[in-house]
Protein backbone atom coordinates (compact mmCIF):
# COMPACT_ATOMS: atom_id res chain seq x y z
CA UNK A 1 101.13 -40.89 46.95
CA UNK A 2 97.42 -41.74 46.55
CA UNK A 3 94.54 -39.34 45.87
CA UNK A 4 93.33 -39.22 49.47
CA UNK A 5 96.80 -38.20 50.67
CA UNK A 6 96.96 -35.45 48.07
CA UNK A 7 93.52 -34.18 49.09
CA UNK A 8 94.40 -34.31 52.79
CA UNK A 9 97.68 -32.54 52.09
CA UNK A 10 96.32 -29.67 50.03
CA UNK A 11 92.84 -29.40 51.62
CA UNK A 12 91.29 -28.06 48.43
CA UNK A 13 90.47 -24.47 49.10
CA UNK A 14 87.74 -24.19 46.43
CA UNK A 15 85.80 -27.45 46.89
CA UNK A 16 85.81 -30.60 48.95
CA UNK A 17 85.79 -34.25 47.97
CA UNK A 18 81.98 -34.45 48.22
CA UNK A 19 81.55 -31.67 45.69
CA UNK A 20 83.95 -33.43 43.31
CA UNK A 21 82.04 -36.70 43.46
CA UNK A 22 78.54 -35.12 43.39
CA UNK A 23 78.96 -32.67 40.51
CA UNK A 24 76.15 -32.33 38.00
CA UNK A 25 76.81 -34.47 34.97
CA UNK A 26 75.39 -34.48 31.50
CA UNK A 27 72.97 -37.28 30.72
CA UNK A 28 74.02 -39.86 28.18
CA UNK A 29 71.98 -40.33 25.01
CA UNK A 30 70.68 -43.59 26.48
CA UNK A 31 69.60 -41.86 29.72
CA UNK A 32 67.84 -39.10 27.77
CA UNK A 33 65.99 -41.67 25.66
CA UNK A 34 64.92 -43.59 28.77
CA UNK A 35 63.57 -40.38 30.34
CA UNK A 36 61.74 -39.43 27.14
CA UNK A 37 60.14 -42.85 26.74
CA UNK A 38 59.04 -42.87 30.38
CA UNK A 39 57.10 -39.61 29.81
CA UNK A 40 53.90 -38.97 27.89
CA UNK A 41 52.74 -35.70 26.35
CA UNK A 42 49.43 -34.12 27.40
CA UNK A 43 46.55 -35.89 25.61
CA UNK A 44 45.59 -32.89 23.48
CA UNK A 45 49.19 -32.42 22.34
CA UNK A 46 49.44 -36.14 21.50
CA UNK A 47 46.35 -35.74 19.28
CA UNK A 48 47.75 -32.69 17.47
CA UNK A 49 48.54 -32.93 13.78
CA UNK A 50 50.71 -30.63 11.68
CA UNK A 51 50.23 -29.99 7.96
CA UNK A 52 53.19 -28.67 5.99
CA UNK A 53 51.82 -27.31 2.73
CA UNK A 54 54.11 -26.45 -0.19
CA UNK A 55 57.28 -26.23 1.91
CA UNK A 56 60.27 -26.20 -0.42
CA UNK A 57 63.21 -26.77 1.94
CA UNK A 58 64.03 -30.39 2.74
CA UNK A 59 65.96 -29.17 5.78
CA UNK A 60 62.85 -27.41 7.11
CA UNK A 61 60.81 -30.56 6.62
CA UNK A 62 63.44 -32.60 8.49
CA UNK A 63 63.51 -30.10 11.34
CA UNK A 64 59.72 -30.20 11.70
CA UNK A 65 59.87 -34.01 11.78
CA UNK A 66 62.37 -33.73 14.62
CA UNK A 67 60.31 -31.19 16.61
CA UNK A 68 57.10 -33.15 16.02
CA UNK A 69 58.73 -36.29 17.39
CA UNK A 70 60.18 -34.39 20.35
CA UNK A 71 56.79 -32.97 21.36
CA UNK A 72 54.95 -36.25 20.79
CA UNK A 73 52.34 -35.08 18.28
CA UNK A 74 50.30 -37.72 16.47
CA UNK A 75 51.04 -37.07 12.81
CA UNK A 76 52.84 -34.91 10.27
CA UNK A 77 50.93 -34.42 7.02
CA UNK A 78 52.87 -33.29 3.96
CA UNK A 79 50.85 -31.72 1.15
CA UNK A 80 51.46 -30.20 -2.25
CA UNK A 81 55.09 -30.15 -3.32
CA UNK A 82 56.43 -30.53 0.23
CA UNK A 83 59.24 -33.09 -0.09
CA UNK A 84 58.83 -36.47 1.57
CA UNK A 85 61.19 -39.04 3.07
CA UNK A 86 63.35 -40.86 2.32
CA UNK A 87 65.75 -38.08 1.37
CA UNK A 88 69.25 -37.54 2.80
CA UNK A 89 68.56 -33.81 3.28
CA UNK A 90 65.46 -34.56 5.38
CA UNK A 91 67.33 -37.18 7.41
CA UNK A 92 70.18 -34.74 8.05
CA UNK A 93 68.00 -32.43 10.16
CA UNK A 94 65.42 -35.02 11.28
CA UNK A 95 68.26 -37.29 12.52
CA UNK A 96 66.00 -40.28 12.00
CA UNK A 97 62.78 -38.84 13.50
CA UNK A 98 61.05 -39.49 10.18
CA UNK A 99 61.35 -43.21 10.95
CA UNK A 100 59.35 -42.85 14.19
CA UNK A 101 56.75 -40.23 13.22
CA UNK A 102 53.49 -41.16 11.55
CA UNK A 103 53.22 -39.18 8.33
CA UNK A 104 51.25 -39.08 5.10
CA UNK A 105 51.46 -37.18 1.83
CA UNK A 106 48.61 -35.71 -0.22
CA UNK A 107 48.84 -33.93 -3.57
CA UNK A 108 46.53 -31.19 -2.30
CA UNK A 109 45.65 -29.97 1.18
CA UNK A 110 41.93 -29.47 0.59
CA UNK A 111 40.73 -33.05 1.04
CA UNK A 112 42.76 -33.86 4.15
CA UNK A 113 41.78 -30.57 5.81
CA UNK A 114 38.10 -31.32 5.16
CA UNK A 115 38.59 -34.87 6.47
CA UNK A 116 40.18 -33.55 9.67
CA UNK A 117 37.35 -31.03 10.14
CA UNK A 118 34.89 -33.93 9.87
CA UNK A 119 36.88 -35.71 12.61
CA UNK A 120 36.44 -32.71 14.93
CA UNK A 121 39.79 -31.00 14.38
CA UNK A 122 40.04 -27.22 14.56
CA UNK A 123 42.33 -26.05 11.76
CA UNK A 124 44.75 -23.38 12.99
CA UNK A 125 46.67 -21.62 10.24
CA UNK A 126 50.06 -20.25 11.29
CA UNK A 127 49.78 -17.00 9.38
CA UNK A 128 49.90 -13.25 9.85
CA UNK A 129 46.44 -11.95 8.90
CA UNK A 130 44.11 -9.16 9.97
CA UNK A 131 42.33 -11.72 12.17
CA UNK A 132 45.28 -13.59 13.65
CA UNK A 133 45.28 -14.42 17.35
CA UNK A 134 48.64 -13.83 18.98
CA UNK A 135 50.07 -17.12 20.19
CA UNK A 136 50.44 -15.87 23.76
CA UNK A 137 46.69 -15.01 23.74
CA UNK A 138 45.52 -18.31 22.22
CA UNK A 139 42.99 -20.08 24.45
CA UNK A 140 43.85 -23.68 23.70
CA UNK A 141 41.04 -24.99 25.91
CA UNK A 142 38.55 -23.72 23.31
CA UNK A 143 39.58 -26.45 20.89
CA UNK A 144 39.13 -30.17 21.42
CA UNK A 145 41.55 -31.34 18.72
CA UNK A 146 44.07 -29.20 16.85
CA UNK A 147 45.66 -29.34 13.43
CA UNK A 148 48.31 -26.71 12.69
CA UNK A 149 48.82 -25.66 9.08
CA UNK A 150 52.10 -24.12 8.01
CA UNK A 151 52.65 -22.74 4.54
CA UNK A 152 55.43 -21.91 2.14
CA UNK A 153 58.57 -20.23 3.48
CA UNK A 154 58.11 -17.14 1.30
CA UNK A 155 54.40 -16.82 0.52
CA UNK A 156 52.86 -18.48 3.60
CA UNK A 157 49.61 -20.42 3.41
CA UNK A 158 48.32 -20.49 -0.17
CA UNK A 159 45.37 -18.21 -0.91
CA UNK A 160 43.33 -21.14 -2.24
CA UNK A 161 43.24 -22.85 1.16
CA UNK A 162 43.06 -19.79 3.46
CA UNK A 163 39.26 -20.10 3.62
CA UNK A 164 39.64 -23.63 5.07
CA UNK A 165 41.34 -22.32 8.23
CA UNK A 166 39.10 -22.04 11.30
CA UNK A 167 41.45 -19.59 13.03
CA UNK A 168 44.79 -17.96 12.38
CA UNK A 169 47.63 -17.82 14.90
CA UNK A 170 50.71 -15.57 14.76
CA UNK A 171 53.82 -15.53 16.91
CA UNK A 172 54.44 -12.12 18.52
CA UNK A 173 57.61 -10.49 17.21
CA UNK A 174 59.36 -7.29 18.19
CA UNK A 175 62.34 -7.04 15.85
CA UNK A 176 62.98 -5.59 12.40
CA UNK A 177 62.28 -8.85 10.55
CA UNK A 178 58.66 -9.84 10.06
CA UNK A 179 58.87 -13.63 10.09
CA UNK A 180 60.56 -16.71 11.51
CA UNK A 181 61.92 -19.72 9.68
CA UNK A 182 59.09 -22.26 9.26
CA UNK A 183 60.87 -24.94 11.30
CA UNK A 184 61.56 -22.45 14.11
CA UNK A 185 57.93 -21.30 14.05
CA UNK A 186 56.76 -24.93 14.28
CA UNK A 187 58.96 -25.56 17.33
CA UNK A 188 57.80 -22.34 19.00
CA UNK A 189 54.16 -23.25 18.38
CA UNK A 190 54.53 -26.83 19.65
CA UNK A 191 56.33 -25.67 22.79
CA UNK A 192 53.61 -23.07 23.40
CA UNK A 193 50.98 -25.80 23.13
CA UNK A 194 52.92 -27.95 25.59
CA UNK A 195 53.17 -25.06 28.04
CA UNK A 196 49.48 -24.17 27.71
CA UNK A 197 48.44 -27.81 28.18
CA UNK A 198 50.74 -28.65 31.11
């Protein structure tokens, strides 16, 4: 007995042959890559840079590499004691994104921040301060080029570079905890930029 005979015999009560053959299917890794490479991020997002200053977790660094690659930003800048590739722990969460992202390392953040300011970048510190703009209220059109600065997982952006920030941005939160993991915060911020620029 062939499949058509079985279908004709039982006359599927829940779905017909068309619905079997036209079901939604998951994309393969190759199909996803082809879709990604056929797309381009908004220009302002593609110009965005992210500075990770004094991040201690290699897994956080790897995750930010992965998010930065996914959102198509131009460069990841690692400063202070933030660990740098190649490291197996970074690769574990970056899953190879560190090989495709442009990145640099500087011993201190001061010089590169000043250099970016001279290039017309607005330096946005991801930090909870008395002057922070809530992310959902951030008017991204006010800034031509953006560099996001993210600080240490426990202490945030170091006090000695706070004065170099042009603005501070915070992610609205409504729960008992007062912060997000740095790699989660980076992904939230990059997605918010994408949404605001699309």
